[in-house]
Protein backbone atom coordinates (compact mmCIF):
# COMPACT_ATOMS: atom_id res chain seq x y z
CA UNK A 1 -7.42 16.86 -1.62
CA UNK A 2 -7.24 16.46 2.22
CA UNK A 3 -4.65 14.12 3.55
CA UNK A 4 -4.73 12.92 7.14
CA UNK A 5 -5.93 10.44 9.67
CA UNK A 6 -9.53 9.10 9.83
CA UNK A 7 -10.46 11.68 12.48
CA UNK A 8 -8.97 14.53 10.56
CA UNK A 9 -10.69 13.52 7.31
CA UNK A 10 -13.98 13.11 9.12
CA UNK A 11 -13.61 16.64 10.49
CA UNK A 12 -12.86 17.99 7.02
CA UNK A 13 -16.02 16.50 5.46
CA UNK A 14 -17.85 19.74 6.09
CA UNK A 15 -15.52 21.48 3.55
CA UNK A 16 -17.25 21.06 0.13
CA UNK A 17 -15.26 23.55 -1.86
CA UNK A 18 -12.14 25.76 -1.72
CA UNK A 19 -11.83 29.19 -3.42
CA UNK A 20 -8.52 29.66 -5.25
CA UNK A 21 -8.03 32.78 -7.41
CA UNK A 22 -11.75 33.22 -7.69
CA UNK A 23 -12.34 29.61 -8.83
CA UNK A 24 -14.26 27.03 -6.75
CA UNK A 25 -12.41 23.79 -6.41
CA UNK A 26 -14.11 20.67 -5.02
CA UNK A 27 -12.02 18.21 -2.84
CA UNK A 28 -11.37 14.76 -4.23
CA UNK A 29 -10.40 11.47 -2.65
CA UNK A 30 -7.68 10.59 -5.12
CA UNK A 31 -5.42 12.38 -7.58
CA UNK A 32 -2.67 11.28 -10.00
CA UNK A 33 0.76 12.91 -10.02
CA UNK A 34 3.66 11.76 -12.17
CA UNK A 35 1.98 8.47 -12.67
CA UNK A 36 1.29 7.78 -8.98
CA UNK A 37 -2.22 7.72 -7.63
CA UNK A 38 -2.34 9.37 -4.27
CA UNK A 39 -5.25 8.90 -1.89
CA UNK A 40 -6.31 10.79 1.18
CA UNK A 41 -5.11 8.18 3.63
CA UNK A 42 -1.79 7.53 1.79
CA UNK A 43 -2.59 3.79 1.57
CA UNK A 44 -1.72 3.85 -2.14
CA UNK A 45 -4.28 1.05 -2.60
CA UNK A 46 -5.56 2.72 -5.81
CA UNK A 47 -2.01 3.06 -7.12
CA UNK A 48 -1.22 -0.55 -6.44
CA UNK A 49 -4.39 -1.55 -8.26
CA UNK A 50 -3.47 0.55 -11.30
CA UNK A 51 0.02 -1.00 -11.40
CA UNK A 52 -1.37 -4.46 -11.04
CA UNK A 53 -3.74 -3.98 -14.02
CA UNK A 54 -1.00 -2.66 -16.22
CA UNK A 55 1.45 -5.39 -15.21
CA UNK A 56 -1.12 -8.16 -15.62
CA UNK A 57 -1.72 -7.12 -19.23
CA UNK A 58 2.04 -7.49 -20.05
CA UNK A 59 2.30 -10.72 -18.09
CA UNK A 60 -0.55 -12.18 -20.12
CA UNK A 61 1.21 -11.10 -23.39
CA UNK A 62 4.48 -12.51 -22.17
CA UNK A 63 2.83 -15.83 -21.31
CA UNK A 64 1.64 -16.28 -24.90
CA UNK A 65 5.12 -15.87 -26.40
CA UNK A 66 7.21 -17.42 -23.56
CA UNK A 67 7.72 -20.75 -25.33
CA UNK A 68 9.43 -18.84 -28.19
CA UNK A 69 11.95 -17.16 -25.87
CA UNK A 70 15.12 -18.23 -24.08
CA UNK A 71 15.29 -17.84 -20.37
CA UNK A 72 17.67 -14.85 -20.59
CA UNK A 73 15.47 -13.03 -23.03
CA UNK A 74 12.34 -13.72 -20.93
CA UNK A 75 14.15 -12.36 -17.90
CA UNK A 76 15.12 -9.23 -19.72
CA UNK A 77 11.67 -8.63 -20.97
CA UNK A 78 10.14 -9.25 -17.58
CA UNK A 79 12.50 -6.82 -15.79
CA UNK A 80 12.19 -4.11 -18.39
CA UNK A 81 8.46 -4.20 -19.02
CA UNK A 82 6.95 -5.46 -15.69
CA UNK A 83 9.77 -5.04 -13.16
CA UNK A 84 10.27 -1.37 -14.16
CA UNK A 85 6.62 -0.67 -13.39
CA UNK A 86 6.89 -2.36 -9.98
CA UNK A 87 9.93 -0.31 -9.11
CA UNK A 88 8.67 3.00 -10.34
CA UNK A 89 8.34 5.36 -7.32
CA UNK A 90 8.15 2.37 -5.01
CA UNK A 91 9.97 4.19 -2.18
CA UNK A 92 6.70 5.97 -1.34
CA UNK A 93 5.25 2.56 -0.43
CA UNK A 94 7.45 2.36 2.66
CA UNK A 95 5.16 1.77 5.64
CA UNK A 96 2.13 1.28 3.45
CA UNK A 97 -0.47 -1.29 4.57
CA UNK A 98 0.50 -4.91 3.87
CA UNK A 99 -2.59 -5.28 1.68
CA UNK A 100 -1.10 -2.64 -0.74
CA UNK A 101 2.34 -4.37 -0.85
CA UNK A 102 0.59 -7.81 -1.25
CA UNK A 103 -1.12 -6.66 -4.41
CA UNK A 104 2.22 -5.85 -6.00
CA UNK A 105 3.80 -9.04 -4.65
CA UNK A 106 1.20 -11.19 -6.27
CA UNK A 107 2.01 -9.54 -9.57
CA UNK A 108 5.68 -10.40 -9.12
CA UNK A 109 4.79 -13.91 -8.18
CA UNK A 110 2.82 -14.33 -11.36
CA UNK A 111 5.70 -12.92 -13.34
CA UNK A 112 8.16 -15.43 -11.92
CA UNK A 113 5.85 -18.35 -12.82
CA UNK A 114 5.61 -17.14 -16.43
CA UNK A 115 9.38 -16.56 -16.76
CA UNK A 116 10.20 -19.98 -15.37
CA UNK A 117 7.18 -21.67 -17.07
CA UNK A 118 5.71 -23.03 -13.92
CA UNK A 119 2.08 -23.82 -13.04
CA UNK A 120 -0.09 -20.95 -11.70
CA UNK A 121 -0.41 -22.59 -8.27
CA UNK A 122 3.36 -23.24 -7.83
CA UNK A 123 4.95 -21.64 -4.71
CA UNK A 124 6.67 -18.35 -5.63
CA UNK A 125 9.37 -18.12 -3.04
CA UNK A 126 11.70 -20.75 -4.44
CA UNK A 127 11.17 -19.22 -7.92
CA UNK A 128 12.16 -15.75 -6.72
CA UNK A 129 15.27 -17.36 -5.19
CA UNK A 130 16.11 -19.14 -8.42
CA UNK A 131 15.84 -15.87 -10.45
CA UNK A 132 17.62 -14.00 -7.56
CA UNK A 133 14.87 -11.39 -7.54
CA UNK A 134 14.16 -9.34 -4.44
CA UNK A 135 10.60 -9.46 -3.12
CA UNK A 136 8.57 -6.20 -3.31
CA UNK A 137 9.20 -5.21 0.30
CA UNK A 138 12.96 -5.65 -0.11
CA UNK A 139 12.88 -3.75 -3.36
CA UNK A 140 11.35 -0.76 -1.56
CA UNK A 141 14.17 -0.89 1.04
CA UNK A 142 16.69 -1.24 -1.77
CA UNK A 143 15.44 1.94 -3.42
CA UNK A 144 15.51 3.94 -0.14
CA UNK A 145 18.94 2.65 0.87
CA UNK A 146 20.47 3.39 -2.62
CA UNK A 147 18.92 6.89 -2.57
CA UNK A 148 20.29 7.52 0.93
CA UNK A 149 23.77 6.42 -0.12
CA UNK A 150 23.79 8.87 -3.09
CA UNK A 151 22.56 11.73 -0.88
CA UNK A 152 25.26 11.07 1.76
CA UNK A 153 27.99 10.77 -0.92
CA UNK A 154 27.02 13.91 -2.86
CA UNK A 155 24.92 15.98 -0.40
CA UNK A 156 22.45 16.59 -3.25
CA UNK A 157 19.65 17.35 -3.79
CA UNK A 158 19.58 19.92 -1.06
CA UNK A 159 15.93 19.38 -0.15
CA UNK A 160 16.65 15.75 0.65
CA UNK A 161 20.14 16.23 2.09
CA UNK A 162 18.75 18.67 4.65
CA UNK A 163 16.38 15.95 5.92
CA UNK A 164 19.03 13.56 7.06
CA UNK A 165 21.99 13.99 9.47
CA UNK A 166 24.68 11.80 11.06
CA UNK A 167 23.96 10.44 14.47
CA UNK A 168 26.13 11.97 17.27
CA UNK A 169 27.09 9.85 20.28
CA UNK A 170 26.49 11.80 23.41
CA UNK A 171 28.99 10.02 25.57
CA UNK A 172 32.78 9.72 26.13
CA UNK A 173 32.59 5.97 26.30
CA UNK A 174 34.00 4.00 23.40
CA UNK A 175 30.99 2.29 21.86
CA UNK A 176 30.93 -0.15 18.98
CA UNK A 177 28.26 1.92 17.21
CA UNK A 178 30.41 5.02 17.34
CA UNK A 179 32.46 3.76 14.38
CA UNK A 180 29.42 3.16 12.22
CA UNK A 181 27.94 5.71 9.78
CA UNK A 182 24.56 5.85 11.48
CA UNK A 183 21.87 8.47 10.87
CA UNK A 184 19.63 10.27 13.34
CA UNK A 185 16.07 8.99 13.44
CA UNK A 186 13.60 11.82 14.39
CA UNK A 187 11.04 11.02 16.99
CA UNK A 188 7.47 10.74 15.69
CA UNK A 189 4.06 10.14 17.33
CA UNK A 190 1.83 9.42 14.32
CA UNK A 191 2.25 6.34 12.10
CA UNK A 192 1.83 8.49 9.01
CA UNK A 193 4.68 10.69 10.18
CA UNK A 194 7.02 7.68 10.39
CA UNK A 195 6.73 7.15 6.69
CA UNK A 196 8.34 10.57 5.92
CA UNK A 197 11.70 10.40 4.14
CA UNK A 198 13.39 12.09 7.15
CA UNK A 199 12.37 9.03 9.22
CA UNK A 200 12.27 6.07 6.90
CA UNK A 201 15.66 6.75 5.20
CA UNK A 202 17.62 6.72 8.53
CA UNK A 203 15.69 3.61 9.72
CA UNK A 204 16.47 1.66 6.53
CA UNK A 205 20.10 2.84 6.48
CA UNK A 206 20.72 2.02 10.14
CA UNK A 207 19.44 -1.50 9.53
CA UNK A 208 22.26 -2.27 7.04
CA UNK A 209 25.43 -4.07 7.98
CA UNK A 210 28.52 -2.01 8.52
CA UNK A 211 30.18 -3.74 5.58
CA UNK A 212 27.36 -2.39 3.35
CA UNK A 213 27.33 1.15 4.76
CA UNK A 214 31.12 1.59 4.42
CA UNK A 215 31.31 0.94 0.75
CA UNK A 216 33.41 3.52 -1.14
CA UNK A 217 31.92 2.69 -4.57
CA UNK A 218 28.28 2.84 -5.47
CA UNK A 219 28.37 -0.30 -7.59
CA UNK A 220 30.00 -2.22 -4.79
CA UNK A 221 27.31 -0.83 -2.42
CA UNK A 222 24.53 -2.00 -4.68
CA UNK A 223 26.02 -5.52 -4.95
CA UNK A 224 26.37 -5.84 -1.12
CA UNK A 225 22.99 -4.24 -0.52
CA UNK A 226 21.19 -6.69 -2.77
CA UNK A 227 23.00 -9.66 -1.23
CA UNK A 228 22.12 -8.38 2.26
CA UNK A 229 18.46 -7.90 1.40
CA UNK A 230 18.26 -11.22 -0.47
CA UNK A 231 19.61 -13.05 2.55
CA UNK A 232 17.22 -11.28 4.89
CA UNK A 233 14.21 -12.18 2.60
CA UNK A 234 15.13 -15.83 2.15
């Protein structure tokens, strides 16, 4: 599969096969790896569609038995069966087109209405606030920030730890930002390059409050991080 911009993919159309170890392989527009559908433009539109179909099936099943469940049991089922699918590998969706994220957000909106037994046309934002659930976009940021915290705390795995570094202040002046644990954001030209982990992880980390970044305990960090993202979403 060829991955690139529209111009690059157009130039690669002339390549109809690739010879590997004597075998002729034909390029494809999509492939599935570890449950994630990857497309040549990295829009992940096909992946979002597959997740939506799987989640809608379980939401439909949950709707039929919702009247038999308590609110706590319904929330547990919703998070374990549907929420887990929405969160699986969601960090790769950072910087994805809004149309891709919107597909998953509509799934979460439907789930909130089923859990709280609300009409299909009811507004989802107050329902999300009632359940204290982060919207899909904030859940993506949550995953990236949590992963970055673990990497900074343990310096593992090496292949990710090598991609981020602490920001150095190139001045002798005493700046307020000098005391913060900020990361260096590499310069990029292409939009696709800005979605790399070496770029998006520092961007998300640097957007956090100092009180969130400076946590010594991971559990405390997760609590403050969710509060910060929840307040920014609502």
